[in-house]
Amino acid sequence: MNAFVSLLGANRNYRNTWIGQVVSEIGDHFNNIAVFSLALANTKSGLVVSGIMLARAIPAMLIGPAAGVVLDRMDRKRVMIASDLTRAAVALAFIFTVHRGHTWLLYLLSALLMGASPFFTAGRAAILPTIATREELHTANSLTQTTQWTTLAIGTFLGGASVGQFGYVWAFAGNSLSFLISAFCISRLFLPGRGFQPARRAITEADVVRPWHEYAEGLRYMRGIPLVMGLMLINVGWATGGGAAQILFSIFGEIVFKRGPSGLGTVWGFAGVGLLAGGAVGYRIGRRLSFAQYKRTIALCYIVHGGSYILFSQARGFGWALLFIALSRAGVGVSSVLNMSQLLRIIPDEFRGRVFATMDSLTWSVMLLSMTAAGWATEYWSPRLIGAVAGALSSSTAIFWAWAHLTGRLPAPEPKGVEPEEIEVHAEPAG
């Protein structure tokens, strides 16, 4: 905790990024709870929830590669601000869905909101090694992810309670305001020299008119680093069950346990608590693990994650379900902090946008298929059966990862994530 406080106190750029993250992500979860609760209240159909999740996944999948190229070509700070302003306008437009019962508008606005998101989320990951020193990087990554899960817990608890108490309009208006605050915080970032323009060779005329060549260059880089490829593949393995899990959270809270918006918010909130606890563990052990120990820990995390999700899906009491969902997400929290720390250390600046955007895009692609299958399955089978299958699929990731480790296919990569000349961090002036 002291390291987190020291980082926020000394590093102005990171502090502004962090404040924007806190506000915008809490607003995001207000939006999520409001949208899914509104859809279920109007239709009582898990298939509609699946459709909204698909409407969010498809743009993230399709736009991710383009976002990566843009972030590795243009000023990342400006791209992130443009993403925030776009999302503020779209978030406010959700108000028109409240009293008119237009489910199709939930699909459209969800697609637009997620279409703008990769430019910000991949951008935030790409600038992190630039605004944090090598010594601060593990702490900054851990705090960024821990904050993400803290806001999940707080945002979903508050979102469920506020939707029940004040209605949907306030949730959507608050989400819009949060993006404006985030844009203001990002506008206050400053680095001398090239600022947030990525380090790269000069863009030729061919690059301008054929951005696919730049993206293909990024794919070749990823394919050439075994650990990057391995992490991309375990994201795919997790997403085979993870997509279904996103839909089932809402169905279990609203329908299986019959607790309305507050139940939905509580399930998501305990998931956030689990992620937060896992993130804290990941931060503590991350500096001490050898590379071999790191790889064994990742395999264990996915076994815990999938196995606990199966127990969550079969729990008859709401309290037991909350305990198991928290434990399941704790496994994800540990692995996420450890994996992201590895990526930030090894990926050079000129490839960061494409790598993070591609990973997000590929994960969303597989989640899309998982969501589609789960949404269709809810019309024929019980949520408990679907949840058990989803947990088993997510756990299967551990088998691939352990095999790659034991057969020597995951050698330790050379760290290229932070170069000395990239570190341009400003502390607060004395006095």
Protein backbone atom coordinates (compact mmCIF):
# COMPACT_ATOMS: atom_id res chain seq x y z
CA MET A 1 0.00 0.00 0.00
CA ASN A 2 2.85 2.41 0.84
CA ALA A 3 4.33 1.83 -2.61
CA PHE A 4 0.99 2.73 -4.23
CA VAL A 5 0.69 5.91 -2.18
CA SER A 6 4.27 6.91 -2.97
CA LEU A 7 3.72 6.36 -6.69
CA LEU A 8 0.58 8.50 -6.72
CA GLY A 9 2.28 11.22 -4.71
CA ALA A 10 5.48 11.46 -6.75
CA ASN A 11 4.41 10.70 -10.32
CA ARG A 12 2.08 13.42 -11.64
CA ASN A 13 1.45 11.77 -15.00
CA TYR A 14 0.51 8.48 -13.45
CA ARG A 15 -1.68 10.18 -10.85
CA ASN A 16 -3.74 11.94 -13.53
CA THR A 17 -4.08 8.72 -15.50
CA TRP A 18 -5.18 6.92 -12.34
CA ILE A 19 -7.81 9.52 -11.38
CA GLY A 20 -9.29 9.37 -14.87
CA GLN A 21 -9.33 5.57 -14.65
CA VAL A 22 -11.17 5.55 -11.31
CA VAL A 23 -13.91 7.93 -12.43
CA SER A 24 -14.51 6.50 -15.91
CA GLU A 25 -14.50 2.84 -14.82
CA ILE A 26 -16.98 3.40 -12.00
CA GLY A 27 -19.19 5.10 -14.60
CA ASP A 28 -18.73 2.12 -16.93
CA HIS A 29 -20.11 -0.26 -14.34
CA PHE A 30 -23.11 1.97 -13.70
CA ASN A 31 -23.76 1.67 -17.44
CA ASN A 32 -23.29 -2.11 -17.47
CA ILE A 33 -25.67 -2.73 -14.59
CA ALA A 34 -28.26 -0.33 -16.02
CA VAL A 35 -28.12 -1.78 -19.56
CA PHE A 36 -28.32 -5.45 -18.56
CA SER A 37 -30.95 -4.82 -15.90
CA LEU A 38 -33.06 -2.77 -18.33
CA ALA A 39 -32.79 -5.48 -21.00
CA LEU A 40 -33.80 -8.25 -18.59
CA ALA A 41 -36.62 -6.17 -17.09
CA ASN A 42 -38.07 -5.58 -20.56
CA THR A 43 -37.58 -9.03 -22.07
CA LYS A 44 -36.78 -11.62 -19.35
CA SER A 45 -34.53 -13.27 -21.95
CA GLY A 46 -30.92 -14.39 -21.57
CA LEU A 47 -30.72 -14.33 -25.35
CA VAL A 48 -31.18 -10.54 -25.33
CA VAL A 49 -28.33 -10.16 -22.83
CA SER A 50 -26.24 -12.31 -25.13
CA GLY A 51 -27.18 -10.07 -28.06
CA ILE A 52 -26.08 -6.94 -26.19
CA MET A 53 -22.79 -8.57 -25.21
CA LEU A 54 -22.27 -9.54 -28.84
CA ALA A 55 -23.03 -5.98 -29.91
CA ARG A 56 -20.21 -4.91 -27.62
CA ALA A 57 -17.82 -7.68 -28.60
CA ILE A 58 -18.02 -7.38 -32.39
CA PRO A 59 -16.79 -3.75 -32.61
CA ALA A 60 -14.01 -4.46 -30.11
CA MET A 61 -12.96 -7.41 -32.25
CA LEU A 62 -13.09 -5.59 -35.59
CA ILE A 63 -11.71 -2.21 -34.53
CA GLY A 64 -8.92 -3.52 -32.30
CA PRO A 65 -6.38 -4.01 -35.13
CA ALA A 66 -7.04 -0.51 -36.50
CA ALA A 67 -6.74 0.96 -33.01
CA GLY A 68 -3.35 -0.71 -32.60
CA VAL A 69 -2.02 0.80 -35.82
CA VAL A 70 -3.38 4.25 -34.91
CA LEU A 71 -1.81 4.10 -31.44
CA ASP A 72 1.57 3.12 -32.86
CA ARG A 73 1.36 5.91 -35.45
CA MET A 74 -0.28 8.94 -33.78
CA ASP A 75 0.01 10.85 -30.50
CA ARG A 76 -1.45 8.39 -27.98
CA LYS A 77 -2.62 11.11 -25.60
CA ARG A 78 -4.75 12.77 -28.30
CA VAL A 79 -6.18 9.43 -29.40
CA MET A 80 -7.21 8.62 -25.82
CA ILE A 81 -8.89 12.01 -25.35
CA ALA A 82 -10.82 11.59 -28.62
CA SER A 83 -11.97 8.15 -27.41
CA ASP A 84 -13.22 9.61 -24.11
CA LEU A 85 -15.14 12.44 -25.77
CA THR A 86 -16.78 10.05 -28.23
CA ARG A 87 -17.81 7.70 -25.45
CA ALA A 88 -19.23 10.59 -23.39
CA ALA A 89 -21.65 11.45 -26.20
CA VAL A 90 -22.67 7.83 -26.78
CA ALA A 91 -23.13 7.14 -23.05
CA LEU A 92 -25.51 10.08 -22.72
CA ALA A 93 -27.59 8.79 -25.63
CA PHE A 94 -28.51 5.67 -23.60
CA ILE A 95 -31.07 7.89 -21.82
CA PHE A 96 -33.29 7.55 -24.90
CA THR A 97 -33.61 3.79 -24.26
CA VAL A 98 -35.22 4.12 -20.84
CA HIS A 99 -38.85 5.05 -21.51
CA ARG A 100 -39.30 3.97 -25.12
CA GLY A 101 -38.50 0.27 -24.75
CA HIS A 102 -36.36 0.23 -27.90
CA THR A 103 -34.17 -2.84 -27.34
CA TRP A 104 -32.54 -2.33 -30.73
CA LEU A 105 -31.16 0.99 -29.48
CA LEU A 106 -29.38 -0.82 -26.63
CA TYR A 107 -27.63 -2.92 -29.27
CA LEU A 108 -26.63 0.07 -31.41
CA LEU A 109 -25.36 2.26 -28.59
CA SER A 110 -23.49 -0.65 -26.98
CA ALA A 111 -21.72 -1.24 -30.29
CA LEU A 112 -20.75 2.43 -30.64
CA LEU A 113 -19.52 2.63 -27.05
CA MET A 114 -17.28 -0.40 -27.40
CA GLY A 115 -16.12 0.67 -30.86
CA ALA A 116 -14.43 3.71 -29.31
CA SER A 117 -13.01 1.85 -26.30
CA PRO A 118 -9.96 0.03 -27.79
CA PHE A 119 -8.37 3.36 -28.65
CA PHE A 120 -8.35 4.24 -24.95
CA THR A 121 -7.73 0.90 -23.22
CA ALA A 122 -4.85 -0.18 -25.47
CA GLY A 123 -3.51 3.39 -25.36
CA ARG A 124 -3.42 3.38 -21.56
CA ALA A 125 -1.44 0.13 -21.56
CA ALA A 126 0.91 1.48 -24.24
CA ILE A 127 1.83 4.66 -22.34
CA LEU A 128 2.35 2.99 -18.97
CA PRO A 129 6.07 2.18 -19.47
CA THR A 130 6.55 5.78 -20.66
CA ILE A 131 5.07 7.46 -17.59
CA ALA A 132 6.61 5.05 -15.06
CA THR A 133 10.28 4.34 -14.44
CA ARG A 134 11.63 0.83 -14.65
CA GLU A 135 11.54 0.65 -10.85
CA GLU A 136 7.95 1.89 -10.75
CA LEU A 137 6.61 -0.29 -13.55
CA HIS A 138 5.57 -3.34 -11.51
CA THR A 139 3.88 -1.11 -8.91
CA ALA A 140 2.18 1.00 -11.61
CA ASN A 141 0.89 -2.08 -13.44
CA SER A 142 -0.37 -3.65 -10.20
CA LEU A 143 -2.10 -0.44 -9.12
CA THR A 144 -3.69 0.03 -12.55
CA GLN A 145 -5.18 -3.45 -12.52
CA THR A 146 -6.05 -3.41 -8.83
CA THR A 147 -7.85 -0.12 -9.39
CA GLN A 148 -9.73 -1.66 -12.30
CA TRP A 149 -11.04 -4.39 -10.02
CA THR A 150 -11.72 -2.03 -7.13
CA THR A 151 -13.88 0.09 -9.40
CA LEU A 152 -15.61 -3.09 -10.57
CA ALA A 153 -16.53 -3.93 -6.98
CA ILE A 154 -17.54 -0.39 -6.04
CA GLY A 155 -19.17 0.48 -9.38
CA THR A 156 -21.31 -2.64 -9.54
CA PHE A 157 -22.41 -2.47 -5.91
CA LEU A 158 -23.29 1.21 -6.25
CA GLY A 159 -24.70 0.72 -9.74
CA GLY A 160 -27.12 -1.98 -8.61
CA ALA A 161 -28.21 0.06 -5.60
CA SER A 162 -28.55 3.36 -7.50
CA VAL A 163 -30.49 1.87 -10.40
CA GLY A 164 -32.95 0.38 -7.92
CA GLN A 165 -33.19 3.64 -5.98
CA PHE A 166 -32.89 6.42 -8.58
CA GLY A 167 -33.57 4.73 -11.92
CA TYR A 168 -31.68 4.23 -15.15
CA VAL A 169 -31.38 7.85 -16.32
CA TRP A 170 -29.02 8.87 -13.53
CA ALA A 171 -26.75 5.88 -14.23
CA PHE A 172 -26.40 6.79 -17.91
CA ALA A 173 -25.86 10.50 -17.20
CA GLY A 174 -23.19 9.66 -14.61
CA ASN A 175 -21.41 7.41 -17.09
CA SER A 176 -21.27 10.23 -19.64
CA LEU A 177 -19.89 12.69 -17.08
CA SER A 178 -17.21 10.18 -16.05
CA PHE A 179 -15.78 10.11 -19.58
CA LEU A 180 -15.55 13.91 -19.63
CA ILE A 181 -13.63 13.87 -16.36
CA SER A 182 -11.32 11.17 -17.73
CA ALA A 183 -10.64 13.26 -20.86
CA PHE A 184 -9.73 16.24 -18.67
CA CYS A 185 -7.31 14.12 -16.62
CA ILE A 186 -5.61 12.72 -19.73
CA SER A 187 -5.29 16.25 -21.15
CA ARG A 188 -3.07 17.11 -18.17
CA LEU A 189 -0.42 14.51 -19.04
CA PHE A 190 2.90 15.95 -20.18
CA LEU A 191 6.23 14.57 -21.36
CA PRO A 192 9.04 16.64 -22.91
CA GLY A 193 10.54 15.83 -26.28
CA ARG A 194 8.30 13.70 -28.48
CA GLY A 195 5.67 13.52 -25.74
CA PHE A 196 3.28 10.63 -26.33
CA GLN A 197 4.18 10.16 -29.98
CA PRO A 198 5.35 6.53 -30.21
CA ALA A 199 8.96 5.76 -31.05
CA ARG A 200 9.05 4.47 -34.62
CA ARG A 201 10.61 4.82 -38.00
CA ALA A 202 9.33 7.46 -40.41
CA ILE A 203 6.02 6.64 -42.09
CA THR A 204 6.37 6.13 -45.82
CA GLU A 205 3.68 6.83 -48.39
CA ALA A 206 3.11 3.09 -48.66
CA ASP A 207 2.52 2.86 -44.91
CA VAL A 208 -0.06 5.64 -45.02
CA VAL A 209 -2.16 4.02 -47.71
CA ARG A 210 -1.55 0.43 -46.60
CA PRO A 211 -1.80 0.27 -42.81
CA TRP A 212 -2.30 -3.49 -43.03
CA HIS A 213 1.45 -3.80 -43.62
CA GLU A 214 2.09 -2.16 -40.26
CA TYR A 215 -0.36 -4.48 -38.56
CA ALA A 216 1.24 -7.50 -40.25
CA GLU A 217 4.59 -6.30 -38.95
CA GLY A 218 3.14 -6.36 -35.44
CA LEU A 219 1.81 -9.90 -35.97
CA ARG A 220 5.28 -11.05 -37.07
CA TYR A 221 6.76 -9.57 -33.92
CA MET A 222 4.22 -11.38 -31.72
CA ARG A 223 4.76 -14.67 -33.50
CA GLY A 224 8.51 -14.37 -32.96
CA ILE A 225 8.33 -14.05 -29.15
CA PRO A 226 7.20 -17.38 -27.60
CA LEU A 227 5.96 -15.82 -24.35
CA VAL A 228 3.85 -13.23 -26.17
CA MET A 229 2.35 -15.98 -28.31
CA GLY A 230 1.77 -18.13 -25.25
CA LEU A 231 -0.03 -15.34 -23.40
CA MET A 232 -2.16 -14.65 -26.44
CA LEU A 233 -3.19 -18.30 -26.63
CA ILE A 234 -4.10 -18.59 -22.94
CA ASN A 235 -6.27 -15.51 -23.37
CA VAL A 236 -8.05 -17.45 -26.11
CA GLY A 237 -8.41 -20.48 -23.84
CA TRP A 238 -9.85 -18.39 -21.02
CA ALA A 239 -12.26 -16.62 -23.39
CA THR A 240 -13.86 -19.91 -24.50
CA GLY A 241 -15.58 -19.98 -21.11
CA GLY A 242 -15.13 -16.33 -20.17
CA GLY A 243 -17.60 -15.07 -22.75
CA ALA A 244 -20.34 -17.31 -21.38
CA ALA A 245 -19.48 -16.18 -17.85
CA GLN A 246 -20.17 -12.54 -18.74
CA ILE A 247 -23.74 -13.41 -19.69
CA LEU A 248 -24.29 -15.78 -16.77
CA PHE A 249 -23.37 -13.14 -14.16
CA SER A 250 -26.49 -11.18 -15.10
CA ILE A 251 -28.71 -14.26 -15.38
CA PHE A 252 -27.64 -15.66 -11.99
CA GLY A 253 -28.15 -12.34 -10.20
CA GLU A 254 -31.49 -11.45 -11.80
CA ILE A 255 -33.13 -14.78 -12.62
CA VAL A 256 -31.51 -17.77 -10.84
CA PHE A 257 -31.33 -16.09 -7.43
CA LYS A 258 -34.23 -13.70 -8.19
CA ARG A 259 -32.62 -10.63 -6.63
CA GLY A 260 -33.21 -7.99 -9.31
CA PRO A 261 -30.70 -5.19 -10.12
CA SER A 262 -29.19 -5.33 -6.63
CA GLY A 263 -28.50 -9.07 -7.02
CA LEU A 264 -26.88 -8.47 -10.39
CA GLY A 265 -24.74 -5.73 -8.86
CA THR A 266 -23.83 -7.94 -5.89
CA VAL A 267 -22.59 -10.81 -8.10
CA TRP A 268 -20.48 -8.41 -10.16
CA GLY A 269 -19.34 -6.68 -6.98
CA PHE A 270 -18.05 -9.89 -5.38
CA ALA A 271 -16.33 -10.73 -8.65
CA GLY A 272 -14.57 -7.38 -8.29
CA VAL A 273 -13.63 -8.14 -4.68
CA GLY A 274 -12.06 -11.39 -5.83
CA LEU A 275 -10.11 -9.66 -8.57
CA LEU A 276 -8.92 -7.07 -6.06
CA ALA A 277 -7.69 -9.73 -3.65
CA GLY A 278 -5.99 -11.61 -6.48
CA GLY A 279 -4.35 -8.43 -7.71
CA ALA A 280 -2.93 -7.76 -4.25
CA VAL A 281 -1.47 -11.27 -4.14
CA GLY A 282 -0.05 -10.87 -7.65
CA TYR A 283 1.64 -7.62 -6.64
CA ARG A 284 3.20 -9.15 -3.54
CA ILE A 285 4.60 -12.25 -5.21
CA GLY A 286 5.41 -10.72 -8.60
CA ARG A 287 8.83 -9.35 -7.65
CA ARG A 288 9.93 -12.56 -5.92
CA LEU A 289 8.97 -15.22 -8.46
CA SER A 290 11.56 -16.67 -10.79
CA PHE A 291 10.47 -17.08 -14.39
CA ALA A 292 9.88 -20.83 -13.87
CA GLN A 293 7.86 -20.13 -10.71
CA TYR A 294 5.84 -17.51 -12.59
CA LYS A 295 4.86 -20.06 -15.24
CA ARG A 296 3.81 -22.66 -12.64
CA THR A 297 1.76 -20.03 -10.81
CA ILE A 298 -0.15 -19.16 -13.98
CA ALA A 299 -1.17 -22.80 -14.50
CA LEU A 300 -2.41 -23.01 -10.90
CA CYS A 301 -4.37 -19.75 -11.28
CA TYR A 302 -6.40 -21.05 -14.20
CA ILE A 303 -7.22 -24.29 -12.38
CA VAL A 304 -8.51 -22.29 -9.39
CA HIS A 305 -10.41 -19.91 -11.65
CA GLY A 306 -12.27 -22.55 -13.67
CA GLY A 307 -12.86 -24.93 -10.78
CA SER A 308 -14.31 -22.20 -8.56
CA TYR A 309 -16.58 -21.03 -11.37
CA ILE A 310 -18.00 -24.54 -11.64
CA LEU A 311 -18.72 -24.46 -7.90
CA PHE A 312 -20.33 -21.02 -8.29
CA SER A 313 -22.65 -22.33 -10.98
CA GLN A 314 -23.80 -25.22 -8.77
CA ALA A 315 -24.18 -23.33 -5.48
CA ARG A 316 -27.74 -23.32 -4.08
CA GLY A 317 -27.23 -20.58 -1.54
CA PHE A 318 -26.51 -16.99 -2.63
CA GLY A 319 -23.76 -16.63 -0.04
CA TRP A 320 -21.85 -19.68 -1.31
CA ALA A 321 -22.23 -18.47 -4.88
CA LEU A 322 -20.69 -15.11 -3.95
CA LEU A 323 -17.78 -16.84 -2.18
CA PHE A 324 -16.98 -19.05 -5.16
CA ILE A 325 -17.27 -16.26 -7.73
CA ALA A 326 -14.86 -14.18 -5.65
CA LEU A 327 -12.40 -17.09 -5.47
CA SER A 328 -12.73 -17.70 -9.20
CA ARG A 329 -11.93 -14.09 -10.04
CA ALA A 330 -9.06 -14.05 -7.54
CA GLY A 331 -7.34 -16.61 -9.74
CA VAL A 332 -7.83 -14.30 -12.71
CA GLY A 333 -6.49 -11.37 -10.68
CA VAL A 334 -3.20 -13.03 -9.82
CA SER A 335 -2.58 -14.23 -13.37
CA SER A 336 -3.53 -10.89 -14.91
CA VAL A 337 -1.06 -8.86 -12.82
CA LEU A 338 1.75 -11.33 -13.43
CA ASN A 339 1.10 -11.64 -17.16
CA MET A 340 0.80 -7.91 -17.75
CA SER A 341 4.02 -7.25 -15.86
CA GLN A 342 5.82 -9.65 -18.18
CA LEU A 343 4.39 -7.98 -21.28
CA LEU A 344 5.28 -4.46 -20.13
CA ARG A 345 8.88 -5.54 -19.55
CA ILE A 346 9.46 -7.20 -22.90
CA ILE A 347 7.44 -5.29 -25.55
CA PRO A 348 9.30 -2.35 -27.16
CA ASP A 349 7.52 0.99 -27.49
CA GLU A 350 6.97 0.84 -31.24
CA PHE A 351 4.88 -2.36 -30.95
CA ARG A 352 2.88 -1.73 -27.77
CA GLY A 353 -0.28 -0.38 -29.38
CA ARG A 354 -0.53 -3.23 -31.86
CA VAL A 355 0.25 -5.97 -29.32
CA PHE A 356 -2.25 -4.85 -26.69
CA ALA A 357 -4.96 -4.03 -29.23
CA THR A 358 -4.47 -7.39 -30.99
CA MET A 359 -4.67 -9.31 -27.74
CA ASP A 360 -7.88 -7.50 -26.83
CA SER A 361 -9.31 -8.06 -30.29
CA LEU A 362 -8.51 -11.78 -30.32
CA THR A 363 -9.90 -12.25 -26.82
CA TRP A 364 -13.13 -10.47 -27.77
CA SER A 365 -13.38 -12.60 -30.94
CA VAL A 366 -13.38 -15.83 -28.95
CA MET A 367 -15.64 -14.33 -26.29
CA LEU A 368 -18.07 -13.47 -29.06
CA LEU A 369 -18.34 -17.12 -30.02
CA SER A 370 -18.67 -18.12 -26.36
CA MET A 371 -21.39 -15.51 -25.77
CA THR A 372 -23.27 -16.62 -28.86
CA ALA A 373 -23.20 -20.25 -27.76
CA ALA A 374 -24.21 -19.38 -24.18
CA GLY A 375 -27.04 -17.09 -25.29
CA TRP A 376 -28.42 -19.78 -27.57
CA ALA A 377 -27.96 -22.44 -24.86
CA THR A 378 -30.01 -20.46 -22.31
CA GLU A 379 -33.07 -21.14 -24.46
CA TYR A 380 -32.62 -24.91 -24.03
CA TRP A 381 -30.53 -25.71 -20.93
CA SER A 382 -30.26 -24.44 -17.38
CA PRO A 383 -27.81 -21.67 -16.46
CA ARG A 384 -26.20 -24.05 -13.96
CA LEU A 385 -25.25 -26.55 -16.66
CA ILE A 386 -23.94 -23.82 -18.95
CA GLY A 387 -21.89 -22.40 -16.05
CA ALA A 388 -20.26 -25.76 -15.37
CA VAL A 389 -19.24 -26.09 -19.02
CA ALA A 390 -17.90 -22.51 -19.06
CA GLY A 391 -15.76 -23.17 -15.97
CA ALA A 392 -14.34 -26.37 -17.46
CA LEU A 393 -13.41 -24.59 -20.69
CA SER A 394 -11.64 -21.79 -18.82
CA SER A 395 -9.67 -24.30 -16.74
CA SER A 396 -8.50 -26.10 -19.88
CA THR A 397 -6.12 -23.20 -20.44
CA ALA A 398 -3.94 -24.57 -17.65
CA ILE A 399 -3.32 -27.77 -19.63
CA PHE A 400 -1.89 -25.94 -22.65
CA TRP A 401 0.20 -23.60 -20.52
CA ALA A 402 1.67 -26.42 -18.37
CA TRP A 403 2.51 -28.43 -21.50
CA ALA A 404 4.30 -25.46 -23.09
CA HIS A 405 6.25 -24.86 -19.89
CA LEU A 406 7.27 -28.50 -19.35
CA THR A 407 8.38 -28.93 -22.97
CA GLY A 408 10.55 -25.80 -22.97
CA ARG A 409 8.41 -23.81 -25.39
CA LEU A 410 8.28 -20.74 -23.13
CA PRO A 411 11.87 -19.53 -22.68
CA ALA A 412 12.56 -16.33 -20.76
CA PRO A 413 12.44 -13.41 -23.25
CA GLU A 414 14.82 -10.48 -23.41
CA PRO A 415 13.39 -7.40 -21.62
CA LYS A 416 12.91 -4.55 -24.09
CA GLY A 417 9.89 -2.85 -22.59
CA VAL A 418 11.53 0.24 -21.07
CA GLU A 419 14.60 1.85 -22.56
CA PRO A 420 16.58 4.37 -20.49
CA GLU A 421 15.91 7.17 -22.96
CA GLU A 422 12.17 6.53 -22.74
CA ILE A 423 11.93 7.33 -19.04
CA GLU A 424 10.66 10.90 -18.82
CA VAL A 425 8.87 10.93 -15.47
CA HIS A 426 8.03 14.15 -13.62
CA ALA A 427 7.79 14.23 -9.84
CA GLU A 428 6.04 16.97 -7.92
CA PRO A 429 8.30 19.98 -7.25
CA ALA A 430 9.58 20.31 -3.68
CA GLY A 431 7.67 22.68 -1.44
